Amino acid sequence: MVNQPTAQDLVAWRSMIANRQKWQLMVKVTANCPHCGWRGQLADGRWKIGLNEPAVDNRANQALLVWLSKELNCPVSRLAISHGRTSGFKTIVAIN
């Protein structure tokens, strides 16, 4: 079974975003994966996420924000990539 955030992690993250608290998530994104979703966690704490979209014309970045907004039950407009727009290593933040 793939390591993924616990239900408690997701509840805490959703609460922080809903209450407009400072929140960020550091991830390693792999584009062109056969299945979209959590793929484990790196030793440095970053979460690995696989996406179906290619890393072309910002498609993987958009797919990441849409997928993550569904996981966190928040509007896509509340999330942004603050670092790593052109890299596989990204930092996602909640916009207040």
N, C-alpha and C. Protein backbone atom coordinates (compact mmCIF):
# COMPACT_ATOMS: atom_id res chain seq x y z
N MET A 1 0.84 -1.19 0.00
CA MET A 1 0.00 0.00 0.00
C MET A 1 0.88 1.25 0.00
N VAL A 2 0.49 2.22 -0.78
CA VAL A 2 1.26 3.46 -0.91
C VAL A 2 1.04 4.33 0.33
N ASN A 3 2.13 4.86 0.85
CA ASN A 3 2.04 5.80 1.97
C ASN A 3 1.35 7.06 1.48
N GLN A 4 0.35 7.50 2.22
CA GLN A 4 -0.38 8.72 1.87
C GLN A 4 -0.77 9.43 3.14
N PRO A 5 -1.18 10.69 3.05
CA PRO A 5 -1.57 11.42 4.26
C PRO A 5 -2.71 10.70 4.97
N THR A 6 -2.69 10.75 6.29
CA THR A 6 -3.75 10.14 7.07
C THR A 6 -5.02 10.98 6.98
N ALA A 7 -6.11 10.39 7.39
CA ALA A 7 -7.38 11.12 7.44
C ALA A 7 -7.24 12.33 8.37
N GLN A 8 -6.50 12.17 9.45
CA GLN A 8 -6.29 13.27 10.38
C GLN A 8 -5.49 14.40 9.73
N ASP A 9 -4.49 14.04 8.90
CA ASP A 9 -3.73 15.06 8.17
C ASP A 9 -4.66 15.87 7.28
N LEU A 10 -5.49 15.16 6.50
CA LEU A 10 -6.39 15.84 5.57
C LEU A 10 -7.38 16.73 6.30
N VAL A 11 -7.91 16.25 7.43
CA VAL A 11 -8.86 17.07 8.22
C VAL A 11 -8.16 18.33 8.72
N ALA A 12 -6.95 18.18 9.22
CA ALA A 12 -6.21 19.34 9.73
C ALA A 12 -5.91 20.33 8.61
N TRP A 13 -5.48 19.82 7.45
CA TRP A 13 -5.18 20.70 6.32
C TRP A 13 -6.43 21.42 5.85
N ARG A 14 -7.55 20.71 5.76
CA ARG A 14 -8.82 21.33 5.34
C ARG A 14 -9.22 22.43 6.30
N SER A 15 -9.06 22.17 7.60
CA SER A 15 -9.42 23.15 8.62
C SER A 15 -8.54 24.40 8.52
N MET A 16 -7.25 24.19 8.32
CA MET A 16 -6.34 25.34 8.20
C MET A 16 -6.71 26.20 6.99
N ILE A 17 -7.02 25.56 5.87
CA ILE A 17 -7.38 26.31 4.66
C ILE A 17 -8.71 27.02 4.86
N ALA A 18 -9.69 26.33 5.43
CA ALA A 18 -11.01 26.93 5.64
C ALA A 18 -10.93 28.11 6.60
N ASN A 19 -10.04 28.03 7.59
CA ASN A 19 -9.91 29.10 8.58
C ASN A 19 -8.88 30.15 8.17
N ARG A 20 -8.43 30.06 6.91
CA ARG A 20 -7.50 31.02 6.33
C ARG A 20 -6.21 31.14 7.13
N GLN A 21 -5.75 30.01 7.66
CA GLN A 21 -4.47 29.98 8.36
C GLN A 21 -3.37 29.72 7.34
N LYS A 22 -2.14 30.05 7.73
CA LYS A 22 -1.01 29.80 6.84
C LYS A 22 -0.86 28.30 6.65
N TRP A 23 -0.79 27.87 5.39
CA TRP A 23 -0.68 26.45 5.07
C TRP A 23 0.17 26.29 3.83
N GLN A 24 1.04 25.29 3.85
CA GLN A 24 1.81 24.96 2.65
C GLN A 24 2.06 23.46 2.61
N LEU A 25 2.23 22.97 1.41
CA LEU A 25 2.49 21.55 1.20
C LEU A 25 3.61 21.44 0.18
N MET A 26 4.66 20.73 0.56
CA MET A 26 5.79 20.51 -0.33
C MET A 26 5.63 19.16 -1.00
N VAL A 27 5.71 19.14 -2.33
CA VAL A 27 5.43 17.92 -3.08
C VAL A 27 6.49 17.67 -4.15
N LYS A 28 6.56 16.43 -4.57
CA LYS A 28 7.33 16.01 -5.74
C LYS A 28 6.32 15.46 -6.72
N VAL A 29 6.18 16.10 -7.87
CA VAL A 29 5.16 15.73 -8.85
C VAL A 29 5.79 14.91 -9.97
N THR A 30 5.11 13.84 -10.35
CA THR A 30 5.49 13.04 -11.50
C THR A 30 4.36 13.13 -12.51
N ALA A 31 4.66 13.73 -13.67
CA ALA A 31 3.65 13.87 -14.73
C ALA A 31 3.59 12.58 -15.55
N ASN A 32 2.52 12.44 -16.33
CA ASN A 32 2.30 11.28 -17.22
C ASN A 32 2.22 9.96 -16.48
N CYS A 33 1.68 9.97 -15.28
CA CYS A 33 1.47 8.72 -14.53
C CYS A 33 0.18 8.06 -14.99
N PRO A 34 0.11 6.74 -14.94
CA PRO A 34 -1.12 6.08 -15.35
C PRO A 34 -2.29 6.35 -14.39
N HIS A 35 -1.97 6.62 -13.11
CA HIS A 35 -3.01 6.89 -12.12
C HIS A 35 -2.67 8.16 -11.36
N CYS A 36 -3.65 9.01 -11.20
CA CYS A 36 -3.48 10.27 -10.49
C CYS A 36 -3.67 10.02 -9.00
N GLY A 37 -2.75 10.54 -8.17
CA GLY A 37 -2.94 10.42 -6.73
C GLY A 37 -1.65 10.40 -5.95
N TRP A 38 -1.79 10.15 -4.65
CA TRP A 38 -0.66 10.07 -3.74
C TRP A 38 0.22 8.90 -4.13
N ARG A 39 1.53 9.10 -4.10
CA ARG A 39 2.49 8.06 -4.48
C ARG A 39 3.50 7.78 -3.38
N GLY A 40 3.30 8.31 -2.19
CA GLY A 40 4.21 8.06 -1.08
C GLY A 40 4.80 9.35 -0.55
N GLN A 41 5.86 9.18 0.24
CA GLN A 41 6.50 10.34 0.86
C GLN A 41 8.01 10.16 0.79
N LEU A 42 8.71 11.23 0.47
CA LEU A 42 10.16 11.21 0.41
C LEU A 42 10.74 11.34 1.82
N ALA A 43 12.02 11.03 1.95
CA ALA A 43 12.68 11.11 3.26
C ALA A 43 12.67 12.53 3.83
N ASP A 44 12.64 13.56 2.96
CA ASP A 44 12.64 14.94 3.44
C ASP A 44 11.24 15.44 3.82
N GLY A 45 10.24 14.57 3.72
CA GLY A 45 8.88 14.94 4.12
C GLY A 45 7.97 15.36 2.97
N ARG A 46 8.53 15.58 1.80
CA ARG A 46 7.69 15.95 0.64
C ARG A 46 6.79 14.78 0.27
N TRP A 47 5.57 15.10 -0.14
CA TRP A 47 4.64 14.08 -0.62
C TRP A 47 4.82 13.90 -2.11
N LYS A 48 4.84 12.66 -2.57
CA LYS A 48 4.92 12.36 -4.00
C LYS A 48 3.50 12.25 -4.55
N ILE A 49 3.26 12.93 -5.66
CA ILE A 49 1.95 12.93 -6.30
C ILE A 49 2.13 12.63 -7.78
N GLY A 50 1.36 11.67 -8.27
CA GLY A 50 1.37 11.35 -9.68
C GLY A 50 0.19 12.01 -10.38
N LEU A 51 0.43 12.51 -11.59
CA LEU A 51 -0.62 13.18 -12.37
C LEU A 51 -0.68 12.58 -13.77
N ASN A 52 -1.88 12.54 -14.33
CA ASN A 52 -2.07 12.02 -15.68
C ASN A 52 -1.59 12.97 -16.76
N GLU A 53 -1.57 14.23 -16.48
CA GLU A 53 -1.24 15.25 -17.49
C GLU A 53 0.26 15.35 -17.74
N PRO A 54 0.64 15.73 -18.96
CA PRO A 54 2.06 15.94 -19.25
C PRO A 54 2.53 17.29 -18.70
N ALA A 55 3.82 17.40 -18.51
CA ALA A 55 4.40 18.65 -18.02
C ALA A 55 4.65 19.60 -19.20
N VAL A 56 3.59 19.93 -19.90
CA VAL A 56 3.66 20.79 -21.08
C VAL A 56 2.59 21.88 -20.96
N ASP A 57 2.97 23.10 -21.30
CA ASP A 57 2.02 24.22 -21.30
C ASP A 57 1.26 24.36 -19.99
N ASN A 58 1.93 24.13 -18.88
CA ASN A 58 1.33 24.32 -17.55
C ASN A 58 0.22 23.32 -17.22
N ARG A 59 0.04 22.30 -18.05
CA ARG A 59 -1.06 21.36 -17.84
C ARG A 59 -0.91 20.55 -16.55
N ALA A 60 0.30 20.12 -16.24
CA ALA A 60 0.51 19.35 -15.00
C ALA A 60 0.28 20.23 -13.77
N ASN A 61 0.71 21.48 -13.83
CA ASN A 61 0.49 22.39 -12.70
C ASN A 61 -1.00 22.60 -12.46
N GLN A 62 -1.74 22.84 -13.53
CA GLN A 62 -3.20 23.02 -13.39
C GLN A 62 -3.86 21.74 -12.86
N ALA A 63 -3.44 20.59 -13.39
CA ALA A 63 -4.00 19.32 -12.93
C ALA A 63 -3.70 19.10 -11.46
N LEU A 64 -2.51 19.49 -11.02
CA LEU A 64 -2.13 19.35 -9.61
C LEU A 64 -3.06 20.17 -8.73
N LEU A 65 -3.29 21.43 -9.09
CA LEU A 65 -4.14 22.29 -8.27
C LEU A 65 -5.59 21.80 -8.26
N VAL A 66 -6.10 21.33 -9.40
CA VAL A 66 -7.47 20.81 -9.46
C VAL A 66 -7.59 19.56 -8.61
N TRP A 67 -6.64 18.64 -8.75
CA TRP A 67 -6.69 17.39 -7.98
C TRP A 67 -6.58 17.67 -6.49
N LEU A 68 -5.65 18.54 -6.11
CA LEU A 68 -5.45 18.84 -4.69
C LEU A 68 -6.66 19.56 -4.10
N SER A 69 -7.30 20.42 -4.88
CA SER A 69 -8.49 21.11 -4.37
C SER A 69 -9.62 20.12 -4.08
N LYS A 70 -9.71 19.07 -4.88
CA LYS A 70 -10.71 18.03 -4.61
C LYS A 70 -10.36 17.25 -3.36
N GLU A 71 -9.08 16.93 -3.18
CA GLU A 71 -8.63 16.21 -1.98
C GLU A 71 -8.88 17.02 -0.71
N LEU A 72 -8.75 18.34 -0.83
CA LEU A 72 -8.86 19.22 0.34
C LEU A 72 -10.23 19.90 0.45
N ASN A 73 -11.13 19.58 -0.46
CA ASN A 73 -12.48 20.17 -0.44
C ASN A 73 -12.45 21.69 -0.38
N CYS A 74 -11.66 22.29 -1.24
CA CYS A 74 -11.60 23.75 -1.28
C CYS A 74 -11.58 24.19 -2.74
N PRO A 75 -11.93 25.43 -3.01
CA PRO A 75 -11.90 25.92 -4.39
C PRO A 75 -10.46 25.96 -4.92
N VAL A 76 -10.31 25.71 -6.19
CA VAL A 76 -8.99 25.78 -6.82
C VAL A 76 -8.38 27.17 -6.63
N SER A 77 -9.22 28.18 -6.60
CA SER A 77 -8.74 29.56 -6.46
C SER A 77 -8.06 29.82 -5.12
N ARG A 78 -8.23 28.93 -4.15
CA ARG A 78 -7.59 29.09 -2.83
C ARG A 78 -6.18 28.52 -2.80
N LEU A 79 -5.77 27.82 -3.87
CA LEU A 79 -4.45 27.19 -3.90
C LEU A 79 -3.58 27.81 -4.98
N ALA A 80 -2.28 27.86 -4.71
CA ALA A 80 -1.32 28.38 -5.69
C ALA A 80 0.01 27.67 -5.53
N ILE A 81 0.77 27.63 -6.60
CA ILE A 81 2.13 27.10 -6.55
C ILE A 81 3.05 28.29 -6.27
N SER A 82 3.68 28.29 -5.10
CA SER A 82 4.53 29.42 -4.74
C SER A 82 5.97 29.22 -5.21
N HIS A 83 6.42 27.98 -5.30
CA HIS A 83 7.77 27.68 -5.76
C HIS A 83 7.73 26.43 -6.62
N GLY A 84 8.56 26.42 -7.66
CA GLY A 84 8.72 25.22 -8.48
C GLY A 84 7.78 25.09 -9.66
N ARG A 85 7.34 26.17 -10.22
CA ARG A 85 6.41 26.10 -11.36
C ARG A 85 6.98 25.28 -12.53
N THR A 86 8.30 25.32 -12.72
CA THR A 86 8.90 24.59 -13.83
C THR A 86 9.73 23.39 -13.35
N SER A 87 9.54 22.99 -12.12
CA SER A 87 10.29 21.89 -11.53
C SER A 87 9.33 20.80 -11.05
N GLY A 88 9.84 19.62 -10.83
CA GLY A 88 9.02 18.56 -10.24
C GLY A 88 8.80 18.78 -8.76
N PHE A 89 9.69 19.52 -8.11
CA PHE A 89 9.57 19.84 -6.69
C PHE A 89 8.82 21.15 -6.56
N LYS A 90 7.68 21.13 -5.88
CA LYS A 90 6.81 22.29 -5.81
C LYS A 90 6.37 22.56 -4.37
N THR A 91 6.05 23.80 -4.09
CA THR A 91 5.44 24.18 -2.83
C THR A 91 4.08 24.78 -3.14
N ILE A 92 3.05 24.18 -2.56
CA ILE A 92 1.67 24.64 -2.74
C ILE A 92 1.29 25.42 -1.48
N VAL A 93 0.65 26.55 -1.65
CA VAL A 93 0.21 27.37 -0.51
C VAL A 93 -1.28 27.68 -0.64
N ALA A 94 -1.87 27.98 0.50
CA ALA A 94 -3.25 28.45 0.52
C ALA A 94 -3.24 29.97 0.41
N ILE A 95 -4.08 30.49 -0.46
CA ILE A 95 -4.19 31.94 -0.66
C ILE A 95 -5.30 32.45 0.24
N ASN A 96 -4.98 33.45 1.04
CA ASN A 96 -5.99 33.99 1.95
C ASN A 96 -6.73 35.07 1.33
